[in-house]
């Protein structure tokens, strides 16, 4: 049974989300976490998402943030009208394989479907192979090529797409309690 809570993030969660990102980056050679230079939105994360028409959720266990995932209207020039984008998918190493990412993804995909999104997109670092397997297990299909981000980590990202009909099946175990 899952013993974590999914809830909408608040601006006060920025430091915890920063910790998740920094820890994930530390797992990969060459990934640099510089909050001030590349993640200033973490200073008011919920407000940032709200201003862009989106939401970011966190998974919390015993008062500790153990995961995050955001959903925004897609801004890619080639995105179809109403497309949404998944961003900031991070789960603490000690919380992996507990259904945290799956529960966060199910929450976001349900919101995207309710909003009438015909497509959900995401971009993921080419080095994050575990994430690739997770997204593919959720029904996302990797597109061709990769984009260069021109960031401190010299990141290249793969594109992934999902249509609601291909969305991940409901998890076999019950979802955790949720607040919105």
N, C-alpha and C. Protein backbone atom coordinates (compact mmCIF):
# COMPACT_ATOMS: atom_id res chain seq x y z
N UNK A 1 0.83 -1.19 0.00
CA UNK A 1 0.00 0.00 0.00
C UNK A 1 0.87 1.25 0.00
N UNK A 2 0.44 2.24 -0.75
CA UNK A 2 1.17 3.51 -0.80
C UNK A 2 0.89 4.30 0.46
N UNK A 3 1.93 4.84 1.02
CA UNK A 3 1.79 5.61 2.24
C UNK A 3 2.22 7.05 2.04
N UNK A 4 1.91 7.58 0.86
CA UNK A 4 2.26 8.96 0.57
C UNK A 4 1.02 9.70 0.08
N UNK A 5 1.12 11.01 0.10
CA UNK A 5 0.02 11.90 -0.27
C UNK A 5 0.43 12.67 -1.52
N UNK A 6 -0.48 12.80 -2.48
CA UNK A 6 -0.27 13.67 -3.63
C UNK A 6 -1.06 14.94 -3.37
N UNK A 7 -0.41 16.10 -3.51
CA UNK A 7 -1.09 17.38 -3.31
C UNK A 7 -0.51 18.42 -4.26
N UNK A 8 -1.30 19.45 -4.50
CA UNK A 8 -0.80 20.58 -5.29
C UNK A 8 0.34 21.23 -4.50
N UNK A 9 1.40 21.56 -5.19
CA UNK A 9 2.54 22.23 -4.55
C UNK A 9 2.17 23.65 -4.19
N UNK A 10 2.87 24.19 -3.23
CA UNK A 10 2.77 25.59 -2.86
C UNK A 10 4.13 26.24 -3.14
N UNK A 11 4.18 27.54 -3.07
CA UNK A 11 5.46 28.22 -3.26
C UNK A 11 6.49 27.77 -2.22
N UNK A 12 6.04 27.39 -1.05
CA UNK A 12 6.94 26.94 0.01
C UNK A 12 7.63 25.61 -0.32
N UNK A 13 7.16 24.89 -1.35
CA UNK A 13 7.76 23.62 -1.74
C UNK A 13 8.97 23.78 -2.66
N UNK A 14 9.28 25.00 -3.04
CA UNK A 14 10.39 25.23 -3.97
C UNK A 14 11.71 24.65 -3.50
N UNK A 15 12.03 24.82 -2.23
CA UNK A 15 13.30 24.29 -1.71
C UNK A 15 13.33 22.77 -1.76
N UNK A 16 12.22 22.14 -1.42
CA UNK A 16 12.17 20.67 -1.45
C UNK A 16 12.29 20.15 -2.88
N UNK A 17 11.63 20.82 -3.83
CA UNK A 17 11.74 20.41 -5.23
C UNK A 17 13.16 20.64 -5.72
N UNK A 18 13.78 21.73 -5.30
CA UNK A 18 15.18 21.99 -5.66
C UNK A 18 16.06 20.84 -5.16
N UNK A 19 15.79 20.36 -3.95
CA UNK A 19 16.55 19.24 -3.42
C UNK A 19 16.38 17.97 -4.24
N UNK A 20 15.16 17.73 -4.71
CA UNK A 20 14.92 16.56 -5.57
C UNK A 20 15.72 16.66 -6.87
N UNK A 21 15.68 17.84 -7.48
CA UNK A 21 16.38 18.04 -8.75
C UNK A 21 17.89 17.90 -8.55
N UNK A 22 18.43 18.56 -7.52
CA UNK A 22 19.87 18.50 -7.26
C UNK A 22 20.32 17.06 -7.03
N UNK A 23 19.54 16.31 -6.26
CA UNK A 23 19.91 14.91 -5.99
C UNK A 23 19.86 14.08 -7.26
N UNK A 24 18.86 14.29 -8.10
CA UNK A 24 18.77 13.54 -9.36
C UNK A 24 19.93 13.89 -10.28
N UNK A 25 20.25 15.17 -10.39
CA UNK A 25 21.37 15.58 -11.23
C UNK A 25 22.69 14.97 -10.74
N UNK A 26 22.85 14.86 -9.43
CA UNK A 26 24.09 14.32 -8.86
C UNK A 26 24.31 12.86 -9.25
N UNK A 27 23.26 12.17 -9.69
CA UNK A 27 23.38 10.78 -10.10
C UNK A 27 24.01 10.62 -11.48
N UNK A 28 24.16 11.71 -12.21
CA UNK A 28 24.64 11.64 -13.59
C UNK A 28 25.85 12.54 -13.78
N UNK A 29 26.89 11.98 -14.35
CA UNK A 29 28.09 12.75 -14.63
C UNK A 29 27.76 13.90 -15.58
N UNK A 30 28.23 15.06 -15.24
CA UNK A 30 28.06 16.22 -16.11
C UNK A 30 26.79 17.01 -15.87
N UNK A 31 25.87 16.52 -15.05
CA UNK A 31 24.65 17.27 -14.76
C UNK A 31 24.96 18.28 -13.65
N UNK A 32 24.70 19.54 -13.94
CA UNK A 32 25.01 20.63 -13.02
C UNK A 32 23.70 21.26 -12.56
N UNK A 33 23.53 21.36 -11.24
CA UNK A 33 22.35 22.04 -10.70
C UNK A 33 22.77 23.41 -10.19
N UNK A 34 22.30 24.45 -10.85
CA UNK A 34 22.55 25.84 -10.44
C UNK A 34 21.17 26.52 -10.38
N UNK A 35 20.61 26.54 -9.19
CA UNK A 35 19.25 27.04 -9.00
C UNK A 35 19.09 28.48 -9.49
N UNK A 36 19.98 29.35 -9.11
CA UNK A 36 19.85 30.76 -9.47
C UNK A 36 19.93 30.96 -10.98
N UNK A 37 20.82 30.24 -11.64
CA UNK A 37 21.03 30.43 -13.07
C UNK A 37 19.96 29.75 -13.93
N UNK A 38 19.51 28.57 -13.51
CA UNK A 38 18.65 27.79 -14.40
C UNK A 38 17.29 27.40 -13.84
N UNK A 39 17.05 27.63 -12.56
CA UNK A 39 15.78 27.25 -11.96
C UNK A 39 15.21 28.35 -11.06
N UNK A 40 15.18 29.59 -11.51
CA UNK A 40 14.66 30.67 -10.65
C UNK A 40 13.18 30.51 -10.32
N UNK A 41 12.45 29.77 -11.13
CA UNK A 41 11.02 29.55 -10.87
C UNK A 41 10.77 28.83 -9.55
N UNK A 42 11.79 28.13 -9.03
CA UNK A 42 11.64 27.42 -7.77
C UNK A 42 11.41 28.36 -6.59
N UNK A 43 11.74 29.63 -6.76
CA UNK A 43 11.53 30.60 -5.68
C UNK A 43 10.05 30.88 -5.44
N UNK A 44 9.21 30.63 -6.43
CA UNK A 44 7.75 30.79 -6.30
C UNK A 44 7.11 29.78 -7.25
N UNK A 45 7.37 28.52 -7.02
CA UNK A 45 7.05 27.45 -7.98
C UNK A 45 5.55 27.34 -8.28
N UNK A 46 4.70 27.39 -7.29
CA UNK A 46 3.26 27.26 -7.54
C UNK A 46 2.76 28.47 -8.32
N UNK A 47 3.22 29.65 -7.96
CA UNK A 47 2.84 30.86 -8.68
C UNK A 47 3.31 30.83 -10.12
N UNK A 48 4.51 30.32 -10.33
CA UNK A 48 5.05 30.20 -11.69
C UNK A 48 4.14 29.32 -12.55
N UNK A 49 3.76 28.17 -12.01
CA UNK A 49 2.90 27.26 -12.77
C UNK A 49 1.52 27.87 -12.99
N UNK A 50 0.96 28.48 -11.96
CA UNK A 50 -0.37 29.10 -12.09
C UNK A 50 -0.35 30.19 -13.15
N UNK A 51 0.70 31.00 -13.19
CA UNK A 51 0.80 32.08 -14.17
C UNK A 51 0.87 31.55 -15.60
N UNK A 52 1.34 30.33 -15.76
CA UNK A 52 1.43 29.71 -17.09
C UNK A 52 0.24 28.80 -17.37
N UNK A 53 -0.76 28.79 -16.50
CA UNK A 53 -1.94 27.97 -16.73
C UNK A 53 -1.77 26.53 -16.36
N UNK A 54 -0.82 26.24 -15.48
CA UNK A 54 -0.54 24.85 -15.11
C UNK A 54 -0.60 24.61 -13.62
N UNK A 55 -0.19 23.41 -13.26
CA UNK A 55 -0.16 22.98 -11.87
C UNK A 55 1.08 22.12 -11.67
N UNK A 56 1.65 22.20 -10.49
CA UNK A 56 2.70 21.27 -10.10
C UNK A 56 2.25 20.58 -8.83
N UNK A 57 2.45 19.26 -8.79
CA UNK A 57 2.08 18.45 -7.64
C UNK A 57 3.34 17.93 -6.97
N UNK A 58 3.20 17.61 -5.70
CA UNK A 58 4.27 16.92 -4.98
C UNK A 58 3.67 15.69 -4.33
N UNK A 59 4.54 14.71 -4.14
CA UNK A 59 4.22 13.54 -3.33
C UNK A 59 4.92 13.78 -2.00
N UNK A 60 4.19 13.52 -0.93
CA UNK A 60 4.70 13.80 0.40
C UNK A 60 4.55 12.54 1.26
N UNK A 61 5.57 12.25 2.01
CA UNK A 61 5.55 11.11 2.93
C UNK A 61 6.01 11.60 4.29
N UNK A 62 5.11 11.56 5.25
CA UNK A 62 5.46 12.00 6.59
C UNK A 62 5.91 13.45 6.65
N UNK A 63 5.36 14.29 5.80
CA UNK A 63 5.73 15.71 5.78
C UNK A 63 6.94 16.04 4.93
N UNK A 64 7.56 15.02 4.32
CA UNK A 64 8.73 15.23 3.46
C UNK A 64 8.33 15.07 2.00
N UNK A 65 8.71 16.03 1.17
CA UNK A 65 8.44 15.94 -0.27
C UNK A 65 9.37 14.90 -0.87
N UNK A 66 8.78 13.89 -1.51
CA UNK A 66 9.56 12.79 -2.10
C UNK A 66 9.43 12.71 -3.62
N UNK A 67 8.60 13.58 -4.20
CA UNK A 67 8.44 13.57 -5.65
C UNK A 67 7.74 14.82 -6.13
N UNK A 68 7.92 15.10 -7.42
CA UNK A 68 7.25 16.26 -8.04
C UNK A 68 6.94 15.95 -9.49
N UNK A 69 5.93 16.63 -10.01
CA UNK A 69 5.57 16.55 -11.43
C UNK A 69 4.66 17.73 -11.74
N UNK A 70 4.96 18.41 -12.84
CA UNK A 70 4.15 19.56 -13.26
C UNK A 70 3.50 19.34 -14.61
N UNK A 71 2.42 20.05 -14.85
CA UNK A 71 1.67 20.00 -16.10
C UNK A 71 1.39 21.43 -16.54
N UNK A 72 1.75 21.73 -17.77
CA UNK A 72 1.57 23.08 -18.34
C UNK A 72 1.03 22.98 -19.76
N UNK A 73 0.40 24.05 -20.26
CA UNK A 73 0.10 24.08 -21.69
C UNK A 73 1.41 24.00 -22.47
N UNK A 74 1.44 23.18 -23.50
CA UNK A 74 2.66 23.03 -24.32
C UNK A 74 2.94 24.32 -25.06
N UNK A 75 4.24 24.67 -25.14
CA UNK A 75 4.63 25.91 -25.82
C UNK A 75 5.46 25.66 -27.08
N UNK A 76 5.70 24.39 -27.42
CA UNK A 76 6.45 24.10 -28.65
C UNK A 76 5.69 24.65 -29.84
N UNK A 77 6.41 25.21 -30.79
CA UNK A 77 5.78 25.81 -31.98
C UNK A 77 4.92 24.79 -32.74
N UNK A 78 5.31 23.52 -32.71
CA UNK A 78 4.58 22.50 -33.46
C UNK A 78 3.51 21.79 -32.62
N UNK A 79 3.30 22.24 -31.40
CA UNK A 79 2.32 21.58 -30.53
C UNK A 79 0.91 21.86 -31.03
N UNK A 80 0.06 20.82 -31.09
CA UNK A 80 -1.32 21.06 -31.49
C UNK A 80 -2.06 21.90 -30.44
N UNK A 81 -3.10 22.56 -30.87
CA UNK A 81 -3.94 23.36 -29.97
C UNK A 81 -4.38 22.51 -28.78
N UNK A 82 -4.21 23.03 -27.57
CA UNK A 82 -4.66 22.34 -26.37
C UNK A 82 -3.71 21.29 -25.83
N UNK A 83 -2.56 21.10 -26.48
CA UNK A 83 -1.59 20.11 -25.99
C UNK A 83 -1.04 20.56 -24.64
N UNK A 84 -0.68 19.59 -23.81
CA UNK A 84 -0.12 19.86 -22.49
C UNK A 84 1.29 19.27 -22.44
N UNK A 85 2.09 19.75 -21.48
CA UNK A 85 3.46 19.27 -21.33
C UNK A 85 3.72 18.90 -19.87
N UNK A 86 4.35 17.75 -19.69
CA UNK A 86 4.79 17.26 -18.38
C UNK A 86 6.20 17.78 -18.13
N UNK A 87 6.44 18.31 -16.94
CA UNK A 87 7.77 18.84 -16.58
C UNK A 87 8.07 18.51 -15.12
N UNK A 88 9.32 18.68 -14.74
CA UNK A 88 9.78 18.57 -13.35
C UNK A 88 9.39 17.24 -12.69
N UNK A 89 9.65 16.15 -13.40
CA UNK A 89 9.36 14.81 -12.87
C UNK A 89 10.61 14.32 -12.14
N UNK A 90 10.52 14.34 -10.82
CA UNK A 90 11.64 13.92 -9.98
C UNK A 90 11.10 13.15 -8.79
N UNK A 91 11.78 12.06 -8.44
CA UNK A 91 11.41 11.27 -7.27
C UNK A 91 12.70 10.98 -6.49
N UNK A 92 12.65 11.18 -5.18
CA UNK A 92 13.80 10.91 -4.33
C UNK A 92 14.23 9.46 -4.49
N UNK A 93 15.50 9.23 -4.50
CA UNK A 93 16.02 7.88 -4.70
C UNK A 93 15.42 6.89 -3.70
N UNK A 94 15.28 7.27 -2.45
CA UNK A 94 14.75 6.36 -1.43
C UNK A 94 13.26 6.05 -1.61
N UNK A 95 12.59 6.84 -2.46
CA UNK A 95 11.15 6.65 -2.67
C UNK A 95 10.83 5.98 -4.00
N UNK A 96 11.84 5.63 -4.76
CA UNK A 96 11.59 5.03 -6.08
C UNK A 96 11.08 3.60 -5.93
N UNK A 97 10.36 3.16 -6.94
CA UNK A 97 9.78 1.82 -7.00
C UNK A 97 8.65 1.64 -5.99
N UNK A 98 8.04 2.74 -5.56
CA UNK A 98 6.91 2.68 -4.62
C UNK A 98 5.63 3.19 -5.28
N UNK A 99 5.68 3.51 -6.57
CA UNK A 99 4.50 4.00 -7.25
C UNK A 99 4.34 5.51 -7.20
N UNK A 100 5.35 6.22 -6.70
CA UNK A 100 5.27 7.68 -6.56
C UNK A 100 5.16 8.34 -7.93
N UNK A 101 6.06 8.03 -8.84
CA UNK A 101 6.03 8.65 -10.17
C UNK A 101 4.74 8.26 -10.91
N UNK A 102 4.33 7.02 -10.79
CA UNK A 102 3.11 6.56 -11.45
C UNK A 102 1.89 7.31 -10.91
N UNK A 103 1.81 7.53 -9.60
CA UNK A 103 0.68 8.26 -9.01
C UNK A 103 0.69 9.72 -9.45
N UNK A 104 1.87 10.34 -9.47
CA UNK A 104 1.96 11.72 -9.95
C UNK A 104 1.56 11.81 -11.41
N UNK A 105 2.04 10.87 -12.23
CA UNK A 105 1.71 10.87 -13.66
C UNK A 105 0.21 10.66 -13.86
N UNK A 106 -0.39 9.74 -13.12
CA UNK A 106 -1.83 9.50 -13.24
C UNK A 106 -2.62 10.75 -12.89
N UNK A 107 -2.17 11.48 -11.89
CA UNK A 107 -2.82 12.74 -11.50
C UNK A 107 -2.76 13.74 -12.63
N UNK A 108 -1.58 13.90 -13.22
CA UNK A 108 -1.41 14.87 -14.31
C UNK A 108 -2.18 14.46 -15.56
N UNK A 109 -2.15 13.18 -15.89
CA UNK A 109 -2.86 12.74 -17.09
C UNK A 109 -4.37 12.87 -16.93
N UNK A 110 -4.87 12.64 -15.73
CA UNK A 110 -6.30 12.84 -15.47
C UNK A 110 -6.66 14.31 -15.66
N UNK A 111 -5.80 15.20 -15.18
CA UNK A 111 -6.05 16.65 -15.35
C UNK A 111 -5.98 17.03 -16.82
N UNK A 112 -5.02 16.49 -17.56
CA UNK A 112 -4.89 16.79 -18.98
C UNK A 112 -6.12 16.30 -19.74
N UNK A 113 -6.58 15.11 -19.42
CA UNK A 113 -7.77 14.57 -20.08
C UNK A 113 -9.00 15.42 -19.76
N UNK A 114 -9.14 15.82 -18.50
CA UNK A 114 -10.28 16.66 -18.10
C UNK A 114 -10.25 18.00 -18.81
N UNK A 115 -9.04 18.48 -19.12
CA UNK A 115 -8.90 19.76 -19.83
C UNK A 115 -9.07 19.60 -21.34
N UNK A 116 -9.25 18.37 -21.80
CA UNK A 116 -9.45 18.14 -23.22
C UNK A 116 -8.18 18.11 -24.05
N UNK A 117 -7.04 17.89 -23.40
CA UNK A 117 -5.76 17.83 -24.13
C UNK A 117 -5.76 16.65 -25.09
N UNK A 118 -5.51 16.91 -26.35
CA UNK A 118 -5.43 15.83 -27.33
C UNK A 118 -4.07 15.17 -27.37
N UNK A 119 -3.10 15.83 -26.73
CA UNK A 119 -1.74 15.28 -26.70
C UNK A 119 -1.04 15.79 -25.46
N UNK A 120 -0.21 14.93 -24.89
CA UNK A 120 0.64 15.32 -23.76
C UNK A 120 2.08 15.08 -24.20
N UNK A 121 2.92 16.05 -23.96
CA UNK A 121 4.31 15.99 -24.39
C UNK A 121 5.23 16.07 -23.19
N UNK A 122 6.46 15.66 -23.39
CA UNK A 122 7.51 15.90 -22.41
C UNK A 122 8.85 15.80 -23.12
N UNK A 123 9.85 16.39 -22.49
CA UNK A 123 11.23 16.31 -22.94
C UNK A 123 12.03 15.73 -21.78
N UNK A 124 12.97 14.84 -22.07
CA UNK A 124 13.77 14.24 -21.02
C UNK A 124 15.22 14.13 -21.45
N UNK A 125 16.10 14.39 -20.53
CA UNK A 125 17.54 14.32 -20.75
C UNK A 125 17.90 12.96 -21.35
N UNK A 126 18.73 12.95 -22.36
CA UNK A 126 19.12 11.71 -23.01
C UNK A 126 19.85 10.76 -22.06
N UNK A 127 20.39 11.29 -20.96
CA UNK A 127 21.11 10.46 -19.99
C UNK A 127 20.18 9.74 -19.02
N UNK A 128 18.93 10.15 -18.90
CA UNK A 128 18.02 9.64 -17.88
C UNK A 128 17.30 8.38 -18.37
N UNK A 129 18.05 7.30 -18.55
CA UNK A 129 17.50 6.09 -19.16
C UNK A 129 16.39 5.44 -18.33
N UNK A 130 16.47 5.51 -17.00
CA UNK A 130 15.38 4.96 -16.18
C UNK A 130 14.09 5.73 -16.44
N UNK A 131 14.20 7.04 -16.60
CA UNK A 131 13.03 7.86 -16.89
C UNK A 131 12.44 7.48 -18.25
N UNK A 132 13.29 7.20 -19.22
CA UNK A 132 12.79 6.81 -20.55
C UNK A 132 11.93 5.55 -20.43
N UNK A 133 12.42 4.57 -19.69
CA UNK A 133 11.66 3.32 -19.52
C UNK A 133 10.32 3.60 -18.82
N UNK A 134 10.33 4.47 -17.82
CA UNK A 134 9.09 4.81 -17.12
C UNK A 134 8.10 5.46 -18.08
N UNK A 135 8.53 6.46 -18.84
CA UNK A 135 7.62 7.16 -19.74
C UNK A 135 7.06 6.20 -20.78
N UNK A 136 7.89 5.32 -21.30
CA UNK A 136 7.41 4.35 -22.28
C UNK A 136 6.42 3.38 -21.65
N UNK A 137 6.63 3.00 -20.39
CA UNK A 137 5.69 2.13 -19.69
C UNK A 137 4.35 2.84 -19.49
N UNK A 138 4.37 4.16 -19.45
CA UNK A 138 3.14 4.96 -19.30
C UNK A 138 2.44 5.20 -20.64
N UNK A 139 3.04 4.73 -21.73
CA UNK A 139 2.43 4.88 -23.03
C UNK A 139 3.02 5.98 -23.90
N UNK A 140 3.97 6.73 -23.39
CA UNK A 140 4.61 7.77 -24.19
C UNK A 140 5.46 7.12 -25.27
N UNK A 141 5.53 7.77 -26.42
CA UNK A 141 6.33 7.30 -27.54
C UNK A 141 7.42 8.33 -27.82
N UNK A 142 8.65 7.86 -27.90
CA UNK A 142 9.76 8.77 -28.16
C UNK A 142 9.75 9.19 -29.62
N UNK A 143 9.90 10.48 -29.84
CA UNK A 143 9.97 11.02 -31.19
C UNK A 143 11.40 10.98 -31.70
N UNK A 144 11.57 11.38 -32.94
CA UNK A 144 12.90 11.37 -33.54
C UNK A 144 13.76 12.53 -33.03
N UNK A 145 15.06 12.32 -33.07
CA UNK A 145 16.01 13.37 -32.78
C UNK A 145 16.09 13.75 -31.31
N UNK A 146 16.84 14.79 -31.07
CA UNK A 146 17.02 15.34 -29.73
C UNK A 146 17.31 16.82 -29.88
N UNK A 147 16.91 17.59 -28.88
CA UNK A 147 17.20 19.03 -28.93
C UNK A 147 18.31 19.34 -27.94
N UNK A 148 19.11 20.34 -28.29
CA UNK A 148 20.16 20.82 -27.40
C UNK A 148 19.60 21.95 -26.56
N UNK A 149 19.85 21.89 -25.26
CA UNK A 149 19.28 22.89 -24.34
C UNK A 149 20.18 24.09 -24.10
N UNK A 150 21.46 24.00 -24.44
CA UNK A 150 22.40 25.10 -24.23
C UNK A 150 22.42 25.53 -22.77
N UNK A 151 22.50 24.55 -21.87
CA UNK A 151 22.51 24.82 -20.44
C UNK A 151 23.87 24.43 -19.84
N UNK A 152 24.01 24.59 -18.55
CA UNK A 152 25.27 24.30 -17.87
C UNK A 152 25.64 22.82 -17.92
N UNK A 153 24.66 21.95 -18.11
CA UNK A 153 24.90 20.50 -18.15
C UNK A 153 25.14 19.98 -19.56
N UNK A 154 25.14 20.85 -20.55
CA UNK A 154 25.27 20.44 -21.96
C UNK A 154 24.23 19.38 -22.30
N UNK A 155 22.99 19.65 -21.92
CA UNK A 155 21.90 18.69 -22.05
C UNK A 155 21.38 18.59 -23.48
N UNK A 156 21.11 17.37 -23.87
CA UNK A 156 20.30 17.06 -25.04
C UNK A 156 19.09 16.32 -24.51
N UNK A 157 17.92 16.59 -25.08
CA UNK A 157 16.68 15.98 -24.61
C UNK A 157 15.94 15.28 -25.74
N UNK A 158 15.36 14.12 -25.40
CA UNK A 158 14.49 13.41 -26.32
C UNK A 158 13.05 13.91 -26.15
N UNK A 159 12.32 13.98 -27.26
CA UNK A 159 10.89 14.32 -27.16
C UNK A 159 10.05 13.06 -26.99
N UNK A 160 9.02 13.16 -26.17
CA UNK A 160 8.05 12.07 -25.99
C UNK A 160 6.65 12.64 -26.16
N UNK A 161 5.75 11.82 -26.71
CA UNK A 161 4.35 12.23 -26.94
C UNK A 161 3.42 11.12 -26.46
N UNK A 162 2.22 11.55 -26.05
CA UNK A 162 1.19 10.61 -25.61
C UNK A 162 -0.16 11.19 -26.00
N UNK A 163 -1.02 10.34 -26.54
CA UNK A 163 -2.40 10.74 -26.76
C UNK A 163 -3.22 10.10 -25.65
N UNK A 164 -4.31 10.74 -25.22
CA UNK A 164 -5.08 10.20 -24.09
C UNK A 164 -5.47 8.74 -24.23
N UNK A 165 -5.75 8.27 -25.43
CA UNK A 165 -6.14 6.87 -25.62
C UNK A 165 -5.00 5.91 -25.27
N UNK A 166 -3.78 6.42 -25.26
CA UNK A 166 -2.62 5.58 -24.94
C UNK A 166 -2.16 5.75 -23.50
N UNK A 167 -2.89 6.52 -22.72
CA UNK A 167 -2.48 6.84 -21.35
C UNK A 167 -2.30 5.59 -20.52
N UNK A 168 -1.47 5.72 -19.50
CA UNK A 168 -1.18 4.58 -18.66
C UNK A 168 -2.42 4.02 -18.02
N UNK A 169 -2.42 2.71 -17.89
CA UNK A 169 -3.55 2.04 -17.24
C UNK A 169 -3.55 2.40 -15.77
N UNK A 170 -4.72 2.34 -15.14
CA UNK A 170 -4.76 2.62 -13.70
C UNK A 170 -3.81 1.68 -12.97
N UNK A 171 -3.12 2.18 -11.95
CA UNK A 171 -2.18 1.33 -11.22
C UNK A 171 -2.89 0.15 -10.57
N UNK A 172 -2.18 -0.93 -10.43
CA UNK A 172 -2.74 -2.13 -9.83
C UNK A 172 -3.03 -1.93 -8.34
N UNK A 173 -2.28 -1.04 -7.71
CA UNK A 173 -2.49 -0.79 -6.29
C UNK A 173 -3.28 0.52 -6.12
N UNK A 174 -3.93 0.70 -5.00
CA UNK A 174 -4.72 1.92 -4.81
C UNK A 174 -3.82 3.15 -4.79
N UNK A 175 -4.33 4.25 -5.34
CA UNK A 175 -3.59 5.50 -5.31
C UNK A 175 -3.61 6.05 -3.90
N UNK A 176 -2.60 6.86 -3.56
CA UNK A 176 -2.57 7.46 -2.24
C UNK A 176 -3.65 8.53 -2.11
N UNK A 177 -3.85 8.98 -0.92
CA UNK A 177 -4.79 10.09 -0.69
C UNK A 177 -4.32 11.29 -1.47
N UNK A 178 -5.25 12.12 -1.89
CA UNK A 178 -4.88 13.27 -2.70
C UNK A 178 -5.64 14.50 -2.24
N UNK A 179 -4.93 15.61 -2.25
CA UNK A 179 -5.55 16.92 -2.04
C UNK A 179 -5.33 17.72 -3.29
N UNK A 180 -6.23 18.62 -3.64
CA UNK A 180 -5.99 19.42 -4.83
C UNK A 180 -5.94 20.88 -4.53
